[in-house]
Amino acid sequence: MSKFESLKRKIVHRLIVNYLIKCGGAFHHGAYGENGKYVALMSDKKYHDYQNL
């Protein structure tokens, strides 16, 4: 990966994280139900809890 691609990824990542923090930590995309997508900002503990479900 070139330095430009790496920088671009870091910028996009930062924008997504800032957006998630601004909107309360989560957003929903697409259809609800089985095919829906849900994106959430989690702490290490919360991520670990979800991994154990």
N, C-alpha and C. Protein backbone atom coordinates (compact mmCIF):
# COMPACT_ATOMS: atom_id res chain seq x y z
N MET A 1 0.85 -1.17 0.00
CA MET A 1 0.00 0.00 0.00
C MET A 1 0.90 1.24 0.00
N SER A 2 0.62 2.18 -0.90
CA SER A 2 1.42 3.39 -0.98
C SER A 2 1.11 4.33 0.18
N LYS A 3 1.98 5.30 0.37
CA LYS A 3 1.77 6.28 1.44
C LYS A 3 0.48 7.07 1.22
N PHE A 4 0.16 7.36 -0.04
CA PHE A 4 -1.06 8.09 -0.35
C PHE A 4 -2.29 7.28 0.03
N GLU A 5 -2.30 5.99 -0.33
CA GLU A 5 -3.43 5.12 0.00
C GLU A 5 -3.58 4.98 1.51
N SER A 6 -2.47 4.86 2.20
CA SER A 6 -2.49 4.76 3.65
C SER A 6 -3.07 6.03 4.29
N LEU A 7 -2.63 7.17 3.80
CA LEU A 7 -3.14 8.45 4.30
C LEU A 7 -4.63 8.58 4.02
N LYS A 8 -5.05 8.19 2.83
CA LYS A 8 -6.48 8.24 2.47
C LYS A 8 -7.31 7.37 3.40
N ARG A 9 -6.83 6.16 3.68
CA ARG A 9 -7.55 5.25 4.58
C ARG A 9 -7.66 5.83 5.99
N LYS A 10 -6.58 6.45 6.47
CA LYS A 10 -6.59 7.05 7.79
C LYS A 10 -7.60 8.20 7.86
N ILE A 11 -7.66 9.01 6.82
CA ILE A 11 -8.60 10.14 6.78
C ILE A 11 -10.04 9.63 6.77
N VAL A 12 -10.32 8.65 5.91
CA VAL A 12 -11.68 8.08 5.84
C VAL A 12 -12.06 7.45 7.18
N HIS A 13 -11.13 6.72 7.78
CA HIS A 13 -11.39 6.10 9.08
C HIS A 13 -11.72 7.16 10.12
N ARG A 14 -10.95 8.23 10.16
CA ARG A 14 -11.18 9.30 11.14
C ARG A 14 -12.54 9.95 10.91
N LEU A 15 -12.93 10.17 9.66
CA LEU A 15 -14.24 10.75 9.36
C LEU A 15 -15.37 9.84 9.85
N ILE A 16 -15.24 8.55 9.62
CA ILE A 16 -16.27 7.60 10.07
C ILE A 16 -16.37 7.60 11.59
N VAL A 17 -15.24 7.54 12.27
CA VAL A 17 -15.25 7.54 13.74
C VAL A 17 -15.86 8.83 14.27
N ASN A 18 -15.49 9.97 13.70
CA ASN A 18 -16.07 11.24 14.14
C ASN A 18 -17.57 11.27 13.93
N TYR A 19 -18.03 10.73 12.80
CA TYR A 19 -19.47 10.68 12.52
C TYR A 19 -20.17 9.79 13.54
N LEU A 20 -19.61 8.63 13.83
CA LEU A 20 -20.22 7.72 14.80
C LEU A 20 -20.32 8.36 16.18
N ILE A 21 -19.29 9.04 16.60
CA ILE A 21 -19.32 9.72 17.90
C ILE A 21 -20.39 10.81 17.89
N LYS A 22 -20.47 11.56 16.81
CA LYS A 22 -21.44 12.66 16.71
C LYS A 22 -22.89 12.15 16.74
N CYS A 23 -23.17 11.01 16.13
CA CYS A 23 -24.55 10.52 16.05
C CYS A 23 -24.88 9.54 17.18
N GLY A 24 -24.11 9.52 18.23
CA GLY A 24 -24.42 8.68 19.38
C GLY A 24 -23.81 7.31 19.34
N GLY A 25 -22.94 7.04 18.41
CA GLY A 25 -22.20 5.79 18.42
C GLY A 25 -22.68 4.72 17.47
N ALA A 26 -23.75 4.99 16.70
CA ALA A 26 -24.23 3.93 15.82
C ALA A 26 -25.11 4.49 14.71
N PHE A 27 -25.23 3.75 13.62
CA PHE A 27 -26.20 4.09 12.59
C PHE A 27 -26.62 2.82 11.86
N HIS A 28 -27.76 2.88 11.21
CA HIS A 28 -28.33 1.73 10.51
C HIS A 28 -28.31 2.02 9.03
N HIS A 29 -27.97 1.01 8.21
CA HIS A 29 -27.91 1.19 6.76
C HIS A 29 -28.60 0.03 6.09
N GLY A 30 -29.39 0.30 5.10
CA GLY A 30 -30.04 -0.75 4.34
C GLY A 30 -31.36 -1.19 4.96
N ALA A 31 -31.84 -2.33 4.48
CA ALA A 31 -33.13 -2.86 4.93
C ALA A 31 -33.04 -3.32 6.38
N TYR A 32 -34.16 -3.26 7.08
CA TYR A 32 -34.21 -3.81 8.44
C TYR A 32 -34.37 -5.32 8.36
N GLY A 33 -34.10 -5.99 9.44
CA GLY A 33 -34.28 -7.43 9.48
C GLY A 33 -33.01 -8.17 9.11
N GLU A 34 -33.19 -9.33 8.54
CA GLU A 34 -32.09 -10.25 8.23
C GLU A 34 -31.02 -9.63 7.33
N ASN A 35 -31.40 -8.77 6.39
CA ASN A 35 -30.45 -8.20 5.42
C ASN A 35 -29.92 -6.83 5.81
N GLY A 36 -30.36 -6.28 6.91
CA GLY A 36 -29.93 -4.95 7.33
C GLY A 36 -28.51 -4.94 7.86
N LYS A 37 -27.90 -3.77 7.85
CA LYS A 37 -26.55 -3.59 8.37
C LYS A 37 -26.60 -2.54 9.48
N TYR A 38 -25.89 -2.80 10.55
CA TYR A 38 -25.86 -1.88 11.68
C TYR A 38 -24.41 -1.66 12.07
N VAL A 39 -23.99 -0.42 12.15
CA VAL A 39 -22.61 -0.08 12.48
C VAL A 39 -22.61 0.61 13.84
N ALA A 40 -21.75 0.14 14.75
CA ALA A 40 -21.69 0.69 16.09
C ALA A 40 -20.25 0.90 16.53
N LEU A 41 -20.04 1.92 17.33
CA LEU A 41 -18.74 2.20 17.92
C LEU A 41 -18.74 1.54 19.30
N MET A 42 -17.78 0.63 19.55
CA MET A 42 -17.76 -0.13 20.79
C MET A 42 -16.42 -0.01 21.51
N SER A 43 -16.50 -0.13 22.82
CA SER A 43 -15.28 -0.23 23.61
C SER A 43 -14.77 -1.67 23.51
N ASP A 44 -13.57 -1.92 24.01
CA ASP A 44 -13.04 -3.28 24.01
C ASP A 44 -13.93 -4.22 24.78
N LYS A 45 -14.46 -3.77 25.93
CA LYS A 45 -15.31 -4.62 26.76
C LYS A 45 -16.60 -4.98 26.03
N LYS A 46 -17.23 -3.98 25.40
CA LYS A 46 -18.49 -4.23 24.69
C LYS A 46 -18.25 -5.18 23.51
N TYR A 47 -17.15 -4.99 22.78
CA TYR A 47 -16.82 -5.88 21.67
C TYR A 47 -16.64 -7.32 22.17
N HIS A 48 -15.94 -7.47 23.29
CA HIS A 48 -15.73 -8.79 23.86
C HIS A 48 -17.06 -9.43 24.25
N ASP A 49 -17.97 -8.65 24.83
CA ASP A 49 -19.30 -9.17 25.19
C ASP A 49 -20.04 -9.66 23.96
N TYR A 50 -19.98 -8.92 22.86
CA TYR A 50 -20.67 -9.33 21.63
C TYR A 50 -20.03 -10.59 21.02
N GLN A 51 -18.73 -10.74 21.18
CA GLN A 51 -18.04 -11.91 20.65
C GLN A 51 -18.50 -13.19 21.36
N ASN A 52 -18.92 -13.05 22.61
CA ASN A 52 -19.33 -14.21 23.40
C ASN A 52 -20.79 -14.57 23.25
N LEU A 53 -21.54 -13.87 22.41
CA LEU A 53 -22.96 -14.18 22.21
C LEU A 53 -23.15 -15.48 21.47
